[in-house]
Amino acid sequence: MEYIKNIFAFLFLALLISLGLHWIESNFIAEFLKSNLIIILLTLLAINTATVSILLSKLKEISEKHKDFNFEESYGSLKSSLTEQIVLICFGFIVLILADSKIIQAKLPYQEIIFNTLNTAIFIYSVDILRDTGKAIFIIVDFEKKK
């Protein structure tokens, strides 16, 4: 349920951004994401993968010291974040391909706003995954300070 709420929140925020940019007649974010979205997503995946590996080794270390803690849910969340990013990369490819289609450009009304919104939402979602993983680092640091 949390995923669905996040997806709609990111889509709404992206729509507001796209409409605002359309209103001020700026193509900067649209052109930037069109040229760089996949590279950005792959870079964020690489950063997240490195961060997750550090987190997993730290969780393993903590679980060996404190047998009463169960980190199964944390392991699942970390694995899920990587899967989400891979899905976002695939979805990003699909959106960019469809946005470049001459047939869709000719037949779909408001296609520019639709695809700008989708690309922006993908970007926001991917950055949020990285933010969430970064937040986990601070939780572990705080946990270690308390123990």
Foldseek 3Di string as FASTA:
>chain_A
DVVVVLLVVLLVVLLVVLVVCVVVVHCVLVVCLLVCVLVVLVVLLVVLVVLLVVLVVLVVVVCVVPVPDDCPVVNVLSVVLSVLSVVLSVVSVVLSVLLPDPVCVVPPPPSSSVSSSSSSSSVVVSVVSSVVSVVSVVVSVVVVVVD
